[in-house]
C-alpha atoms as a PDB file:
ATOM      1  CA  MET A   1      97.351  96.342  84.740  1.00  0.00           C
ATOM      2  CA  GLU A   2      99.185  95.147  87.608  1.00  0.00           C
ATOM      3  CA  ARG A   3     102.732  97.228  88.103  1.00  0.00           C
ATOM      4  CA  GLU A   4     105.849  96.180  89.691  1.00  0.00           C
ATOM      5  CA  PRO A   5     106.733  98.391  92.654  1.00  0.00           C
ATOM      6  CA  VAL A   6     110.213 100.226  92.598  1.00  0.00           C
ATOM      7  CA  CYS A   7     112.472  99.772  95.421  1.00  0.00           C
ATOM      8  CA  VAL A   8     115.857 101.255  96.486  1.00  0.00           C
ATOM      9  CA  GLU A   9     118.133 100.465  99.722  1.00  0.00           C
ATOM     10  CA  TYR A  10     118.251 103.449 101.951  1.00  0.00           C
ATOM     11  CA  GLN A  11     121.256 103.457 104.149  1.00  0.00           C
ATOM     12  CA  ALA A  12     120.642 105.803 107.343  1.00  0.00           C
ATOM     13  CA  SER A  13     122.115 104.159 110.461  1.00  0.00           C
ATOM     14  CA  ASP A  14     121.046 101.082 109.109  1.00  0.00           C
ATOM     15  CA  VAL A  15     119.922  99.619 105.900  1.00  0.00           C
ATOM     16  CA  TYR A  16     116.368  99.925 104.790  1.00  0.00           C
ATOM     17  CA  LYS A  17     114.526  98.811 101.643  1.00  0.00           C
ATOM     18  CA  VAL A  18     112.081 101.330 100.606  1.00  0.00           C
ATOM     19  CA  CYS A  19     109.515 100.562  98.222  1.00  0.00           C
ATOM     20  CA  SER A  20     106.629 102.662  96.150  1.00  0.00           C
ATOM     21  CA  MET A  21     104.702 102.440  93.439  1.00  0.00           C
ATOM     22  CA  GLY A  22     106.267 102.344  89.789  1.00  0.00           C
ATOM     23  CA  PRO A  23     105.674 104.246  86.536  1.00  0.00           C
ATOM     24  CA  PRO A  24     103.052 105.428  85.266  1.00  0.00           C
ATOM     25  CA  SER A  25     103.001 107.069  88.907  1.00  0.00           C
ATOM     26  CA  SER A  26     105.880 109.330  89.252  1.00  0.00           C
ATOM     27  CA  GLY A  27     105.615 110.211  93.127  1.00  0.00           C
ATOM     28  CA  GLY A  28     107.290 106.973  93.929  1.00  0.00           C
ATOM     29  CA  VAL A  29     110.245 107.078  91.924  1.00  0.00           C
ATOM     30  CA  THR A  30     110.524 110.795  92.920  1.00  0.00           C
ATOM     31  CA  VAL A  31     110.838 110.319  96.372  1.00  0.00           C
ATOM     32  CA  LEU A  32     113.140 107.409  96.174  1.00  0.00           C
ATOM     33  CA  GLN A  33     115.400 109.378  94.181  1.00  0.00           C
ATOM     34  CA  ILE A  34     115.189 112.400  96.794  1.00  0.00           C
ATOM     35  CA  LEU A  35     116.204 109.679  99.431  1.00  0.00           C
ATOM     36  CA  LYS A  36     119.236 108.391  97.446  1.00  0.00           C
ATOM     37  CA  LEU A  37     120.460 111.966  96.767  1.00  0.00           C
ATOM     38  CA  LEU A  38     120.428 112.832 100.317  1.00  0.00           C
ATOM     39  CA  GLU A  39     121.831 109.537 101.941  1.00  0.00           C
ATOM     40  CA  ARG A  40     125.251 110.684 101.113  1.00  0.00           C
ATOM     41  CA  TYR A  41     124.885 113.585 103.963  1.00  0.00           C
ATOM     42  CA  ASN A  42     124.859 112.988 107.684  1.00  0.00           C
ATOM     43  CA  LEU A  43     121.537 115.261 108.107  1.00  0.00           C
ATOM     44  CA  THR A  44     121.671 114.451 111.887  1.00  0.00           C
ATOM     45  CA  GLU A  45     124.535 117.070 112.311  1.00  0.00           C
ATOM     46  CA  PHE A  46     121.896 119.922 111.523  1.00  0.00           C
ATOM     47  CA  PRO A  47     118.474 120.732 113.064  1.00  0.00           C
ATOM     48  CA  VAL A  48     115.574 119.529 110.943  1.00  0.00           C
ATOM     49  CA  ASP A  49     114.573 123.435 110.235  1.00  0.00           C
ATOM     50  CA  SER A  50     118.381 124.380 109.519  1.00  0.00           C
ATOM     51  CA  ALA A  51     119.389 126.129 106.424  1.00  0.00           C
ATOM     52  CA  GLU A  52     121.829 123.332 105.769  1.00  0.00           C
ATOM     53  CA  THR A  53     118.863 120.780 105.764  1.00  0.00           C
ATOM     54  CA  ILE A  54     116.461 122.644 103.964  1.00  0.00           C
ATOM     55  CA  HIS A  55     118.975 123.420 101.158  1.00  0.00           C
ATOM     56  CA  ARG A  56     120.051 119.885 100.733  1.00  0.00           C
ATOM     57  CA  TYR A  57     116.591 118.735 100.703  1.00  0.00           C
ATOM     58  CA  THR A  58     115.507 121.396  98.034  1.00  0.00           C
ATOM     59  CA  GLN A  59     118.358 120.838  95.761  1.00  0.00           C
ATOM     60  CA  ALA A  60     117.711 117.088  95.834  1.00  0.00           C
ATOM     61  CA  ALA A  61     113.963 117.723  95.156  1.00  0.00           C
ATOM     62  CA  LYS A  62     114.848 119.994  92.473  1.00  0.00           C
ATOM     63  CA  LEU A  63     117.025 117.329  90.579  1.00  0.00           C
ATOM     64  CA  ALA A  64     114.382 114.605  91.301  1.00  0.00           C
ATOM     65  CA  PHE A  65     111.642 116.579  89.904  1.00  0.00           C
ATOM     66  CA  ALA A  66     113.580 117.625  86.999  1.00  0.00           C
ATOM     67  CA  ASP A  67     114.279 113.964  86.118  1.00  0.00           C
ATOM     68  CA  ARG A  68     110.336 113.111  86.665  1.00  0.00           C
ATOM     69  CA  ASN A  69     109.508 115.756  84.177  1.00  0.00           C
ATOM     70  CA  ARG A  70     112.098 114.726  81.627  1.00  0.00           C
ATOM     71  CA  TYR A  71     111.843 110.896  81.996  1.00  0.00           C
ATOM     72  CA  ILE A  72     108.531 109.563  83.709  1.00  0.00           C
ATOM     73  CA  ALA A  73     105.555 108.606  81.496  1.00  0.00           C
ATOM     74  CA  ASP A  74     103.149 105.847  81.130  1.00  0.00           C
ATOM     75  CA  SER A  75     105.159 103.044  79.975  1.00  0.00           C
ATOM     76  CA  ASP A  76     102.434 101.474  77.947  1.00  0.00           C
ATOM     77  CA  PHE A  77     102.666 104.551  75.569  1.00  0.00           C
ATOM     78  CA  VAL A  78     106.347 105.772  75.928  1.00  0.00           C
ATOM     79  CA  ASP A  79     109.698 104.261  76.321  1.00  0.00           C
ATOM     80  CA  VAL A  80     110.633 104.817  80.022  1.00  0.00           C
ATOM     81  CA  PRO A  81     114.311 104.555  80.908  1.00  0.00           C
ATOM     82  CA  CYS A  82     115.171 101.587  82.832  1.00  0.00           C
ATOM     83  CA  LEU A  83     114.530 102.032  86.602  1.00  0.00           C
ATOM     84  CA  ARG A  84     116.191  98.708  87.662  1.00  0.00           C
ATOM     85  CA  CYS A  85     119.444  98.895  85.588  1.00  0.00           C
END
């Protein structure tokens, strides 16, 4: 079965449209959620390997993976919440 991709607009210095595979694959949705959680921070203020950057990334990843574990499943068998609402 062909699946629709999931896409979000990500704003760093410009606006980018980032797309990935949609459910039942969970990786793309998780990465897009992490990006959306991080876009509110100016991560260029800190070095990539700084405690501030690592802390923000790990907290965003923790939330995204918790959502993935709770809500993402094969939509052929489970009612998956709307990703485009």
